[in-house]
N, C-alpha and C. Protein backbone atom coordinates (compact mmCIF):
# COMPACT_ATOMS: atom_id res chain seq x y z
N MET A 1 113.23 88.26 130.83
CA MET A 1 112.77 86.95 131.31
C MET A 1 111.70 86.43 130.36
N PRO A 2 111.87 85.22 129.79
CA PRO A 2 110.87 84.67 128.87
C PRO A 2 109.52 84.56 129.55
N ARG A 3 108.48 84.87 128.82
CA ARG A 3 107.12 84.82 129.35
C ARG A 3 106.64 83.38 129.43
N SER A 4 105.80 83.10 130.41
CA SER A 4 105.17 81.78 130.50
C SER A 4 104.12 81.68 129.41
N GLN A 5 104.00 80.48 128.83
CA GLN A 5 103.08 80.28 127.73
C GLN A 5 102.01 79.27 128.12
N GLY A 6 100.76 79.56 127.79
CA GLY A 6 99.71 78.55 127.91
C GLY A 6 99.25 78.34 129.33
N SER A 7 98.65 77.20 129.55
CA SER A 7 98.04 76.88 130.84
C SER A 7 99.09 76.55 131.87
N GLY A 8 98.64 76.52 133.13
CA GLY A 8 99.58 76.32 134.21
C GLY A 8 100.21 74.95 134.22
N ASP A 9 99.55 73.92 133.68
CA ASP A 9 100.12 72.57 133.71
C ASP A 9 100.96 72.27 132.48
N ARG A 10 101.11 73.22 131.56
CA ARG A 10 101.93 73.02 130.38
C ARG A 10 103.35 73.50 130.67
N PRO A 11 104.37 72.71 130.31
CA PRO A 11 105.75 73.15 130.56
C PRO A 11 106.02 74.52 129.93
N GLN A 12 106.74 75.35 130.66
CA GLN A 12 107.05 76.69 130.16
C GLN A 12 107.94 76.60 128.93
N LEU A 13 107.66 77.43 127.96
CA LEU A 13 108.49 77.45 126.76
C LEU A 13 109.88 77.97 127.07
N SER A 14 110.85 77.47 126.34
CA SER A 14 112.22 77.93 126.41
C SER A 14 112.84 77.66 125.05
N ARG A 15 113.99 78.24 124.80
CA ARG A 15 114.64 78.00 123.51
C ARG A 15 114.98 76.52 123.35
N GLU A 16 115.45 75.89 124.44
CA GLU A 16 115.80 74.47 124.36
C GLU A 16 114.57 73.62 124.07
N ARG A 17 113.44 73.95 124.71
CA ARG A 17 112.23 73.16 124.47
C ARG A 17 111.75 73.33 123.03
N VAL A 18 111.85 74.55 122.50
CA VAL A 18 111.47 74.79 121.12
C VAL A 18 112.34 73.97 120.17
N LEU A 19 113.65 73.96 120.41
CA LEU A 19 114.57 73.23 119.53
C LEU A 19 114.37 71.72 119.64
N ARG A 20 114.13 71.23 120.83
CA ARG A 20 113.90 69.79 120.99
C ARG A 20 112.58 69.38 120.32
N ALA A 21 111.62 70.25 120.35
CA ALA A 21 110.37 69.97 119.64
C ALA A 21 110.62 69.96 118.14
N ALA A 22 111.51 70.84 117.66
CA ALA A 22 111.86 70.86 116.24
C ALA A 22 112.53 69.56 115.83
N VAL A 23 113.38 69.02 116.68
CA VAL A 23 114.00 67.72 116.41
C VAL A 23 112.93 66.64 116.31
N ALA A 24 111.95 66.69 117.20
CA ALA A 24 110.87 65.69 117.18
C ALA A 24 110.06 65.79 115.89
N VAL A 25 109.80 67.01 115.43
CA VAL A 25 109.05 67.19 114.19
C VAL A 25 109.86 66.63 113.01
N ALA A 26 111.16 66.95 112.98
CA ALA A 26 112.02 66.46 111.89
C ALA A 26 112.15 64.95 111.94
N ASP A 27 112.25 64.38 113.13
CA ASP A 27 112.31 62.92 113.26
C ASP A 27 111.05 62.27 112.72
N GLY A 28 109.93 62.94 112.92
CA GLY A 28 108.66 62.35 112.52
C GLY A 28 108.33 62.50 111.05
N GLY A 29 108.77 63.60 110.44
CA GLY A 29 108.38 63.84 109.05
C GLY A 29 109.44 64.44 108.17
N GLY A 30 110.69 64.47 108.63
CA GLY A 30 111.76 65.03 107.82
C GLY A 30 111.77 66.55 107.86
N LEU A 31 112.79 67.14 107.27
CA LEU A 31 112.93 68.59 107.29
C LEU A 31 111.81 69.27 106.51
N GLY A 32 111.28 68.58 105.50
CA GLY A 32 110.21 69.17 104.71
C GLY A 32 108.97 69.47 105.54
N GLY A 33 108.79 68.72 106.62
CA GLY A 33 107.63 68.94 107.48
C GLY A 33 107.89 69.91 108.61
N LEU A 34 109.11 70.43 108.70
CA LEU A 34 109.46 71.34 109.79
C LEU A 34 109.19 72.78 109.38
N THR A 35 108.14 73.35 109.89
CA THR A 35 107.80 74.76 109.66
C THR A 35 107.48 75.39 111.01
N ILE A 36 107.36 76.70 111.02
CA ILE A 36 106.98 77.37 112.26
C ILE A 36 105.60 76.88 112.71
N ARG A 37 104.71 76.67 111.75
CA ARG A 37 103.36 76.23 112.10
C ARG A 37 103.38 74.80 112.67
N SER A 38 104.12 73.89 112.03
CA SER A 38 104.17 72.52 112.55
C SER A 38 104.88 72.47 113.90
N LEU A 39 105.84 73.34 114.09
CA LEU A 39 106.55 73.41 115.37
C LEU A 39 105.62 73.93 116.45
N ALA A 40 104.83 74.94 116.12
CA ALA A 40 103.87 75.47 117.08
C ALA A 40 102.84 74.41 117.45
N THR A 41 102.42 73.63 116.46
CA THR A 41 101.47 72.54 116.73
C THR A 41 102.08 71.51 117.67
N GLN A 42 103.34 71.17 117.44
CA GLN A 42 104.03 70.21 118.30
C GLN A 42 104.10 70.71 119.74
N LEU A 43 104.27 72.02 119.89
CA LEU A 43 104.40 72.64 121.21
C LEU A 43 103.04 73.00 121.81
N ASP A 44 102.00 72.93 120.98
CA ASP A 44 100.65 73.32 121.40
C ASP A 44 100.61 74.80 121.81
N VAL A 45 101.19 75.64 120.95
CA VAL A 45 101.17 77.08 121.17
C VAL A 45 100.85 77.76 119.85
N LYS A 46 100.68 79.05 119.87
CA LYS A 46 100.47 79.81 118.65
C LYS A 46 101.80 80.06 117.96
N PRO A 47 101.82 80.13 116.62
CA PRO A 47 103.08 80.34 115.89
C PRO A 47 103.88 81.54 116.37
N MET A 48 103.22 82.63 116.73
CA MET A 48 103.95 83.82 117.17
C MET A 48 104.75 83.56 118.43
N SER A 49 104.31 82.60 119.24
CA SER A 49 105.04 82.28 120.47
C SER A 49 106.41 81.69 120.16
N VAL A 50 106.50 80.95 119.04
CA VAL A 50 107.78 80.35 118.65
C VAL A 50 108.80 81.42 118.31
N TYR A 51 108.36 82.49 117.65
CA TYR A 51 109.27 83.56 117.24
C TYR A 51 109.89 84.29 118.43
N TYR A 52 109.33 84.10 119.61
CA TYR A 52 109.91 84.72 120.79
C TYR A 52 111.26 84.10 121.13
N TYR A 53 111.47 82.85 120.67
CA TYR A 53 112.69 82.11 121.02
C TYR A 53 113.63 81.86 119.85
N VAL A 54 113.09 81.82 118.64
CA VAL A 54 113.92 81.66 117.44
C VAL A 54 113.43 82.63 116.38
N ALA A 55 114.38 83.27 115.70
CA ALA A 55 114.01 84.33 114.77
C ALA A 55 113.44 83.81 113.47
N ASN A 56 113.95 82.65 113.01
CA ASN A 56 113.55 82.13 111.71
C ASN A 56 113.96 80.67 111.60
N LYS A 57 113.68 80.06 110.44
CA LYS A 57 113.98 78.64 110.28
C LYS A 57 115.48 78.38 110.28
N ASN A 58 116.27 79.30 109.74
CA ASN A 58 117.72 79.11 109.76
C ASN A 58 118.24 78.97 111.18
N GLU A 59 117.72 79.77 112.07
CA GLU A 59 118.15 79.67 113.47
C GLU A 59 117.71 78.33 114.07
N ILE A 60 116.56 77.85 113.66
CA ILE A 60 116.10 76.54 114.12
C ILE A 60 117.04 75.45 113.61
N LEU A 61 117.41 75.51 112.32
CA LEU A 61 118.30 74.50 111.76
C LEU A 61 119.66 74.52 112.45
N ASP A 62 120.19 75.71 112.69
CA ASP A 62 121.46 75.81 113.43
C ASP A 62 121.33 75.12 114.79
N GLY A 63 120.23 75.38 115.46
CA GLY A 63 120.04 74.84 116.81
C GLY A 63 119.86 73.34 116.84
N ILE A 64 119.09 72.80 115.90
CA ILE A 64 118.84 71.35 115.96
C ILE A 64 120.06 70.56 115.49
N VAL A 65 120.85 71.13 114.57
CA VAL A 65 122.11 70.47 114.20
C VAL A 65 123.03 70.40 115.41
N ASP A 66 123.07 71.47 116.18
CA ASP A 66 123.92 71.49 117.37
C ASP A 66 123.44 70.44 118.38
N LEU A 67 122.14 70.26 118.50
CA LEU A 67 121.62 69.23 119.40
C LEU A 67 122.03 67.84 118.95
N VAL A 68 122.05 67.61 117.63
CA VAL A 68 122.47 66.31 117.12
C VAL A 68 123.95 66.08 117.40
N PHE A 69 124.78 67.08 117.15
CA PHE A 69 126.20 66.94 117.46
C PHE A 69 126.41 66.66 118.94
N ALA A 70 125.58 67.24 119.80
CA ALA A 70 125.72 67.04 121.25
C ALA A 70 125.44 65.59 121.64
N GLU A 71 124.70 64.85 120.83
CA GLU A 71 124.39 63.46 121.14
C GLU A 71 125.53 62.51 120.77
N ILE A 72 126.45 62.94 119.93
CA ILE A 72 127.54 62.06 119.47
C ILE A 72 128.64 62.03 120.52
N GLU A 73 129.06 60.85 120.87
CA GLU A 73 130.11 60.69 121.88
C GLU A 73 131.43 61.24 121.37
N LEU A 74 132.08 62.05 122.17
CA LEU A 74 133.32 62.69 121.76
C LEU A 74 134.52 61.77 121.96
N PRO A 75 135.49 61.82 121.05
CA PRO A 75 136.76 61.13 121.29
C PRO A 75 137.58 61.91 122.31
N ALA A 76 138.48 61.24 122.96
CA ALA A 76 139.33 61.89 123.97
C ALA A 76 140.74 62.03 123.43
N PRO A 77 141.17 63.24 123.12
CA PRO A 77 142.55 63.43 122.64
C PRO A 77 143.55 62.90 123.66
N GLY A 78 144.55 62.20 123.16
CA GLY A 78 145.58 61.65 124.04
C GLY A 78 145.38 60.19 124.37
N GLY A 79 144.20 59.65 124.07
CA GLY A 79 143.97 58.23 124.29
C GLY A 79 144.41 57.42 123.08
N ASP A 80 144.03 56.16 123.04
CA ASP A 80 144.30 55.32 121.88
C ASP A 80 143.49 55.88 120.72
N TRP A 81 144.15 56.48 119.73
CA TRP A 81 143.43 57.23 118.71
C TRP A 81 142.46 56.36 117.91
N ARG A 82 142.86 55.11 117.63
CA ARG A 82 141.97 54.24 116.86
C ARG A 82 140.71 53.92 117.66
N ALA A 83 140.88 53.62 118.94
CA ALA A 83 139.72 53.31 119.78
C ALA A 83 138.81 54.52 119.92
N GLU A 84 139.42 55.69 120.08
CA GLU A 84 138.63 56.90 120.27
C GLU A 84 137.88 57.30 119.00
N ILE A 85 138.55 57.22 117.86
CA ILE A 85 137.91 57.56 116.60
C ILE A 85 136.84 56.53 116.23
N THR A 86 137.10 55.26 116.55
CA THR A 86 136.09 54.23 116.33
C THR A 86 134.86 54.48 117.17
N LYS A 87 135.07 54.84 118.44
CA LYS A 87 133.96 55.16 119.34
C LYS A 87 133.13 56.30 118.78
N ARG A 88 133.77 57.34 118.31
CA ARG A 88 133.06 58.48 117.76
C ARG A 88 132.31 58.11 116.48
N ALA A 89 132.95 57.33 115.60
CA ALA A 89 132.32 56.95 114.34
C ALA A 89 131.08 56.09 114.59
N GLN A 90 131.19 55.14 115.49
CA GLN A 90 130.04 54.28 115.79
C GLN A 90 128.92 55.07 116.45
N SER A 91 129.28 56.01 117.31
CA SER A 91 128.28 56.85 117.94
C SER A 91 127.59 57.74 116.92
N ALA A 92 128.37 58.31 115.99
CA ALA A 92 127.79 59.17 114.96
C ALA A 92 126.80 58.38 114.10
N ARG A 93 127.17 57.17 113.73
CA ARG A 93 126.28 56.33 112.93
C ARG A 93 124.97 56.07 113.68
N LYS A 94 125.08 55.75 114.97
CA LYS A 94 123.89 55.47 115.78
C LYS A 94 122.98 56.70 115.86
N VAL A 95 123.58 57.86 116.10
CA VAL A 95 122.81 59.09 116.22
C VAL A 95 122.13 59.44 114.89
N LEU A 96 122.85 59.26 113.80
CA LEU A 96 122.29 59.60 112.49
C LEU A 96 121.21 58.61 112.06
N ARG A 97 121.23 57.42 112.58
CA ARG A 97 120.12 56.49 112.32
C ARG A 97 118.86 56.98 113.02
N GLN A 98 119.03 57.65 114.15
CA GLN A 98 117.89 58.20 114.88
C GLN A 98 117.40 59.50 114.26
N HIS A 99 118.31 60.25 113.62
CA HIS A 99 117.98 61.54 113.02
C HIS A 99 118.50 61.60 111.58
N PRO A 100 117.98 60.78 110.67
CA PRO A 100 118.52 60.74 109.31
C PRO A 100 118.43 62.05 108.55
N TRP A 101 117.49 62.91 108.92
CA TRP A 101 117.36 64.21 108.28
C TRP A 101 118.60 65.08 108.51
N ALA A 102 119.36 64.77 109.55
CA ALA A 102 120.50 65.62 109.91
C ALA A 102 121.72 65.39 109.03
N ILE A 103 121.76 64.27 108.31
CA ILE A 103 122.95 63.92 107.55
C ILE A 103 123.34 65.04 106.59
N ALA A 104 122.36 65.57 105.86
CA ALA A 104 122.64 66.61 104.87
C ALA A 104 122.98 67.95 105.50
N LEU A 105 122.70 68.10 106.80
CA LEU A 105 122.91 69.39 107.46
C LEU A 105 124.20 69.47 108.28
N MET A 106 124.81 68.33 108.55
CA MET A 106 125.89 68.28 109.54
C MET A 106 127.02 69.27 109.26
N GLU A 107 127.37 69.42 108.00
CA GLU A 107 128.49 70.31 107.67
C GLU A 107 128.03 71.53 106.87
N SER A 108 126.74 71.81 106.89
CA SER A 108 126.21 72.86 106.03
C SER A 108 126.02 74.20 106.73
N ARG A 109 126.05 74.20 108.06
CA ARG A 109 125.70 75.42 108.78
C ARG A 109 126.90 76.37 108.90
N THR A 110 126.65 77.66 108.76
CA THR A 110 127.72 78.66 108.84
C THR A 110 127.75 79.36 110.19
N ASN A 111 126.85 78.95 111.10
CA ASN A 111 126.83 79.53 112.44
C ASN A 111 126.80 78.39 113.46
N PRO A 112 127.91 77.63 113.55
CA PRO A 112 127.91 76.43 114.41
C PRO A 112 127.77 76.78 115.88
N GLY A 113 127.09 75.90 116.60
CA GLY A 113 126.92 76.09 118.03
C GLY A 113 128.07 75.49 118.83
N ALA A 114 127.97 75.61 120.14
CA ALA A 114 129.05 75.17 121.02
C ALA A 114 129.30 73.67 120.93
N ALA A 115 128.24 72.87 120.87
CA ALA A 115 128.40 71.42 120.80
C ALA A 115 129.08 71.02 119.49
N THR A 116 128.73 71.69 118.41
CA THR A 116 129.35 71.41 117.11
C THR A 116 130.84 71.70 117.16
N LEU A 117 131.19 72.85 117.73
CA LEU A 117 132.60 73.23 117.80
C LEU A 117 133.39 72.30 118.72
N ARG A 118 132.79 71.89 119.85
CA ARG A 118 133.46 70.94 120.74
C ARG A 118 133.71 69.63 120.01
N HIS A 119 132.73 69.20 119.24
CA HIS A 119 132.84 67.95 118.49
C HIS A 119 134.01 68.00 117.51
N HIS A 120 134.05 69.05 116.71
CA HIS A 120 135.13 69.18 115.73
C HIS A 120 136.49 69.31 116.42
N ASP A 121 136.56 70.09 117.47
CA ASP A 121 137.83 70.30 118.16
C ASP A 121 138.35 69.00 118.76
N ALA A 122 137.45 68.19 119.35
CA ALA A 122 137.87 66.92 119.95
C ALA A 122 138.40 65.96 118.89
N ASN A 123 137.77 65.95 117.71
CA ASN A 123 138.24 65.08 116.64
C ASN A 123 139.61 65.52 116.13
N VAL A 124 139.75 66.80 115.88
CA VAL A 124 141.04 67.32 115.43
C VAL A 124 142.11 67.05 116.48
N GLY A 125 141.76 67.30 117.75
CA GLY A 125 142.72 67.08 118.83
C GLY A 125 143.15 65.63 118.95
N THR A 126 142.24 64.71 118.69
CA THR A 126 142.58 63.29 118.77
C THR A 126 143.57 62.90 117.69
N PHE A 127 143.36 63.38 116.47
CA PHE A 127 144.30 63.09 115.39
C PHE A 127 145.66 63.74 115.65
N ARG A 128 145.64 64.98 116.13
CA ARG A 128 146.91 65.66 116.38
C ARG A 128 147.69 64.99 117.51
N ALA A 129 146.99 64.59 118.58
CA ALA A 129 147.66 63.93 119.71
C ALA A 129 148.24 62.59 119.30
N ALA A 130 147.65 61.96 118.28
CA ALA A 130 148.14 60.67 117.80
C ALA A 130 149.43 60.83 117.00
N GLY A 131 149.71 62.06 116.55
CA GLY A 131 150.94 62.29 115.79
C GLY A 131 150.72 62.66 114.34
N PHE A 132 149.47 62.78 113.91
CA PHE A 132 149.21 63.19 112.53
C PHE A 132 149.58 64.66 112.36
N SER A 133 150.16 64.98 111.21
CA SER A 133 150.47 66.38 110.91
C SER A 133 149.17 67.15 110.71
N VAL A 134 149.27 68.48 110.66
CA VAL A 134 148.07 69.28 110.44
C VAL A 134 147.42 68.94 109.09
N PRO A 135 148.20 68.88 107.98
CA PRO A 135 147.56 68.50 106.71
C PRO A 135 146.95 67.09 106.75
N MET A 136 147.64 66.13 107.38
CA MET A 136 147.09 64.77 107.44
C MET A 136 145.86 64.71 108.34
N THR A 137 145.83 65.54 109.37
CA THR A 137 144.64 65.62 110.21
C THR A 137 143.44 66.08 109.40
N ALA A 138 143.67 67.07 108.55
CA ALA A 138 142.59 67.56 107.68
C ALA A 138 142.13 66.45 106.73
N HIS A 139 143.09 65.72 106.15
CA HIS A 139 142.73 64.61 105.26
C HIS A 139 141.95 63.53 106.02
N ALA A 140 142.45 63.18 107.20
CA ALA A 140 141.84 62.10 107.98
C ALA A 140 140.42 62.45 108.39
N TYR A 141 140.22 63.67 108.84
CA TYR A 141 138.90 64.09 109.29
C TYR A 141 137.91 64.09 108.13
N ALA A 142 138.34 64.63 106.99
CA ALA A 142 137.47 64.68 105.82
C ALA A 142 137.12 63.27 105.33
N LEU A 143 138.12 62.40 105.29
CA LEU A 143 137.89 61.03 104.82
C LEU A 143 136.94 60.29 105.76
N LEU A 144 137.17 60.44 107.05
CA LEU A 144 136.34 59.73 108.01
C LEU A 144 134.89 60.19 107.94
N ASP A 145 134.68 61.51 107.85
CA ASP A 145 133.30 62.01 107.78
C ASP A 145 132.63 61.60 106.47
N ALA A 146 133.41 61.58 105.38
CA ALA A 146 132.83 61.13 104.12
C ALA A 146 132.35 59.69 104.25
N PHE A 147 133.12 58.86 104.93
CA PHE A 147 132.72 57.46 105.11
C PHE A 147 131.51 57.35 106.05
N VAL A 148 131.58 58.01 107.22
CA VAL A 148 130.52 57.87 108.21
C VAL A 148 129.21 58.45 107.68
N TYR A 149 129.25 59.68 107.17
CA TYR A 149 128.03 60.31 106.68
C TYR A 149 127.50 59.58 105.45
N GLY A 150 128.42 59.16 104.57
CA GLY A 150 128.00 58.44 103.38
C GLY A 150 127.34 57.12 103.71
N PHE A 151 127.92 56.40 104.66
CA PHE A 151 127.32 55.12 105.06
C PHE A 151 125.96 55.36 105.71
N ALA A 152 125.89 56.38 106.56
CA ALA A 152 124.62 56.68 107.23
C ALA A 152 123.55 57.04 106.21
N LEU A 153 123.92 57.79 105.18
CA LEU A 153 122.96 58.16 104.14
C LEU A 153 122.50 56.92 103.37
N GLN A 154 123.45 56.06 103.00
CA GLN A 154 123.10 54.84 102.27
C GLN A 154 122.21 53.95 103.13
N GLU A 155 122.57 53.81 104.39
CA GLU A 155 121.80 52.94 105.28
C GLU A 155 120.37 53.45 105.46
N SER A 156 120.23 54.78 105.56
CA SER A 156 118.90 55.34 105.76
C SER A 156 118.04 55.24 104.51
N SER A 157 118.68 55.04 103.34
CA SER A 157 117.95 54.98 102.08
C SER A 157 117.56 53.57 101.68
N LEU A 158 118.06 52.57 102.38
CA LEU A 158 117.78 51.19 102.00
C LEU A 158 116.29 50.87 102.13
N PRO A 159 115.75 50.06 101.22
CA PRO A 159 114.33 49.71 101.28
C PRO A 159 114.05 48.53 102.20
N PHE A 160 114.96 48.25 103.13
CA PHE A 160 114.76 47.12 104.03
C PHE A 160 115.54 47.35 105.31
N GLU A 161 115.21 46.55 106.33
CA GLU A 161 115.94 46.57 107.58
C GLU A 161 116.21 45.12 107.99
N GLY A 162 117.42 44.87 108.47
CA GLY A 162 117.76 43.55 108.98
C GLY A 162 117.93 42.51 107.89
N SER A 163 118.30 41.31 108.32
CA SER A 163 118.60 40.23 107.38
C SER A 163 117.36 39.73 106.66
N GLU A 164 116.22 39.67 107.35
CA GLU A 164 114.99 39.20 106.71
C GLU A 164 114.53 40.15 105.62
N GLY A 165 114.64 41.45 105.89
CA GLY A 165 114.26 42.44 104.90
C GLY A 165 115.16 42.39 103.68
N ALA A 166 116.47 42.22 103.90
CA ALA A 166 117.41 42.13 102.79
C ALA A 166 117.10 40.91 101.93
N ALA A 167 116.82 39.79 102.56
CA ALA A 167 116.52 38.57 101.80
C ALA A 167 115.24 38.73 101.00
N GLU A 168 114.26 39.42 101.58
CA GLU A 168 112.98 39.61 100.88
C GLU A 168 113.18 40.46 99.63
N VAL A 169 113.92 41.57 99.77
CA VAL A 169 114.16 42.46 98.63
C VAL A 169 115.01 41.76 97.58
N ALA A 170 116.08 41.10 98.03
CA ALA A 170 116.96 40.39 97.08
C ALA A 170 116.20 39.28 96.37
N GLY A 171 115.33 38.58 97.11
CA GLY A 171 114.56 37.50 96.50
C GLY A 171 113.65 38.00 95.40
N ALA A 172 113.04 39.18 95.63
CA ALA A 172 112.18 39.76 94.61
C ALA A 172 112.98 40.15 93.37
N MET A 173 114.19 40.65 93.59
CA MET A 173 115.04 41.04 92.46
C MET A 173 115.49 39.84 91.65
N MET A 174 115.62 38.70 92.33
CA MET A 174 116.11 37.50 91.65
C MET A 174 115.23 37.11 90.47
N GLU A 175 113.98 37.51 90.51
CA GLU A 175 113.09 37.20 89.39
C GLU A 175 113.58 37.86 88.10
N GLN A 176 114.27 39.00 88.23
CA GLN A 176 114.79 39.70 87.06
C GLN A 176 116.12 39.10 86.60
N PHE A 177 116.71 38.23 87.43
CA PHE A 177 118.01 37.66 87.10
C PHE A 177 117.90 36.35 86.33
N SER A 178 116.68 35.85 86.19
CA SER A 178 116.50 34.52 85.60
C SER A 178 116.96 34.44 84.14
N SER A 179 117.07 35.58 83.48
CA SER A 179 117.50 35.59 82.08
C SER A 179 118.99 35.30 81.94
N GLY A 180 119.73 35.42 83.04
CA GLY A 180 121.17 35.19 82.99
C GLY A 180 121.96 36.40 82.54
N GLN A 181 121.30 37.56 82.41
CA GLN A 181 121.99 38.78 81.95
C GLN A 181 122.82 39.43 83.04
N TYR A 182 122.59 39.06 84.29
CA TYR A 182 123.28 39.72 85.41
C TYR A 182 123.98 38.68 86.28
N PRO A 183 124.98 38.01 85.73
CA PRO A 183 125.61 36.89 86.46
C PRO A 183 126.31 37.32 87.75
N HIS A 184 126.90 38.52 87.74
CA HIS A 184 127.65 38.95 88.93
C HIS A 184 126.71 39.35 90.06
N LEU A 185 125.60 40.00 89.73
CA LEU A 185 124.61 40.32 90.75
C LEU A 185 123.98 39.05 91.30
N THR A 186 123.75 38.08 90.43
CA THR A 186 123.19 36.80 90.88
C THR A 186 124.13 36.12 91.86
N GLU A 187 125.42 36.11 91.52
CA GLU A 187 126.41 35.49 92.40
C GLU A 187 126.46 36.19 93.76
N LEU A 188 126.46 37.52 93.74
CA LEU A 188 126.51 38.28 94.99
C LEU A 188 125.28 38.01 95.85
N ALA A 189 124.12 37.97 95.23
CA ALA A 189 122.89 37.74 95.97
C ALA A 189 122.86 36.33 96.56
N VAL A 190 123.18 35.33 95.74
CA VAL A 190 123.07 33.94 96.18
C VAL A 190 124.12 33.59 97.23
N GLU A 191 125.36 34.04 96.99
CA GLU A 191 126.46 33.61 97.86
C GLU A 191 126.72 34.53 99.05
N HIS A 192 126.03 35.69 99.06
CA HIS A 192 126.31 36.61 100.17
C HIS A 192 125.02 37.16 100.80
N VAL A 193 124.26 37.94 100.01
CA VAL A 193 123.10 38.63 100.58
C VAL A 193 122.05 37.67 101.09
N LEU A 194 121.84 36.56 100.38
CA LEU A 194 120.80 35.61 100.77
C LEU A 194 121.28 34.57 101.78
N GLN A 195 122.52 34.69 102.20
CA GLN A 195 123.04 33.75 103.20
C GLN A 195 122.49 34.11 104.59
N PRO A 196 122.29 33.11 105.45
CA PRO A 196 121.77 33.38 106.80
C PRO A 196 122.67 34.35 107.56
N GLY A 197 122.04 35.30 108.23
CA GLY A 197 122.78 36.23 109.08
C GLY A 197 123.31 37.46 108.37
N TYR A 198 123.04 37.60 107.06
CA TYR A 198 123.54 38.78 106.36
C TYR A 198 122.84 40.03 106.89
N VAL A 199 123.66 41.03 107.24
CA VAL A 199 123.15 42.34 107.67
C VAL A 199 124.00 43.40 107.00
N PHE A 200 123.37 44.28 106.24
CA PHE A 200 124.12 45.31 105.54
C PHE A 200 124.95 46.15 106.50
N GLY A 201 124.43 46.43 107.68
CA GLY A 201 125.13 47.28 108.63
C GLY A 201 126.49 46.74 109.05
N ASP A 202 126.72 45.44 108.89
CA ASP A 202 128.02 44.87 109.24
C ASP A 202 129.13 45.44 108.37
N GLU A 203 128.76 45.99 107.21
CA GLU A 203 129.78 46.57 106.33
C GLU A 203 130.43 47.81 106.96
N PHE A 204 129.76 48.41 107.92
CA PHE A 204 130.30 49.63 108.54
C PHE A 204 131.62 49.36 109.23
N ASP A 205 131.66 48.36 110.08
CA ASP A 205 132.89 48.06 110.82
C ASP A 205 134.01 47.64 109.87
N PHE A 206 133.67 46.89 108.83
CA PHE A 206 134.68 46.48 107.85
C PHE A 206 135.28 47.71 107.17
N GLY A 207 134.41 48.61 106.71
CA GLY A 207 134.90 49.80 106.03
C GLY A 207 135.67 50.71 106.95
N LEU A 208 135.22 50.88 108.18
CA LEU A 208 135.91 51.73 109.14
C LEU A 208 137.31 51.20 109.42
N THR A 209 137.44 49.89 109.55
CA THR A 209 138.76 49.29 109.78
C THR A 209 139.70 49.60 108.62
N LEU A 210 139.20 49.50 107.39
CA LEU A 210 140.04 49.81 106.22
C LEU A 210 140.48 51.26 106.24
N VAL A 211 139.57 52.17 106.58
CA VAL A 211 139.91 53.59 106.63
C VAL A 211 140.99 53.85 107.68
N LEU A 212 140.82 53.29 108.87
CA LEU A 212 141.79 53.52 109.94
C LEU A 212 143.13 52.86 109.63
N ASP A 213 143.10 51.68 109.01
CA ASP A 213 144.35 51.03 108.60
C ASP A 213 145.10 51.90 107.61
N GLY A 214 144.38 52.48 106.67
CA GLY A 214 145.02 53.34 105.68
C GLY A 214 145.60 54.59 106.32
N LEU A 215 144.87 55.20 107.23
CA LEU A 215 145.37 56.41 107.89
C LEU A 215 146.59 56.12 108.74
N ALA A 216 146.62 54.96 109.39
CA ALA A 216 147.73 54.62 110.27
C ALA A 216 149.06 54.61 109.52
N ARG A 217 149.02 54.35 108.23
CA ARG A 217 150.27 54.33 107.45
C ARG A 217 150.93 55.70 107.38
N PHE A 218 150.19 56.74 107.66
CA PHE A 218 150.73 58.09 107.56
C PHE A 218 151.22 58.65 108.89
N LEU A 219 151.16 57.84 109.93
CA LEU A 219 151.72 58.28 111.20
C LEU A 219 153.24 58.21 111.16
N PRO A 220 153.92 59.17 111.76
CA PRO A 220 155.38 59.10 111.79
C PRO A 220 155.84 57.89 112.58
N PRO A 221 156.94 57.27 112.19
CA PRO A 221 157.42 56.10 112.93
C PRO A 221 157.78 56.44 114.37
N ILE A 222 157.53 55.49 115.25
CA ILE A 222 157.86 55.69 116.66
C ILE A 222 159.36 55.54 116.84
N SER A 223 159.97 56.58 117.40
CA SER A 223 161.44 56.55 117.57
C SER A 223 161.82 55.80 118.84
C-alpha cells in the first residue's frame, strides 16, 4: 500500500498524480525542464518520494505519453471511416497543441501503455473495417500520422498565433521584399497571408481532405 506523503490536507501521492504532475511540468517548460527535482517541486514533496512511484525518467516519459494518447478521441471501427479518422486527426491536433512537447515522443517509446495500444488498435481497426488491406492500412496509418504530427510540429513552431499575428510577422518580412528579389513570396504574402481572415490552422482541414481523398482511391470497389 503506497504511503501517505506530507501533511494531512495535501492529496495523497499516487502514480497517476505523479504522472499528471509531470505533464504539468512539461506543459510549462518543455521536456528539458522535466527532472525528478522539478517534478518533486511541482508535487511539493522530496525527490525520493517520487522514486516510490516511478523508477526513472524513462518510466515517467512512458507514462506521460500514455496520458496524452488517452486524451485523443478514438475512432470507432465499423463506422464511416472518413468521419472517424477525421475525428481522430482533429482531436490529435487539438491535444498536441496543448502538449507540444509530446509530438517528438508519440512514436518513440518502446514500452507503450494501455491507452497507447488502444489508440493504435482503434486506428488500425477503423482502416481494416473500411476495407483497406493490411499493407494499405500500414501505409494509411503512417501517412496520416506523418501529416498530423508534422502539422502539429509546424504549428507549434510558428512565431505567431491567429490572423493578426500572421499579418504582423508577414508585414515585417515585407520590408525585405522591397528589392523585388522575392516576387513569389511577395505575391503569396499580399494575395493570401495578408488577406483578412487568414489563419494558418485552416490548412489542416485542407491537407487532411487531400490525404483522405488519396487513400480512398485504394479501397476495393463496392460490389
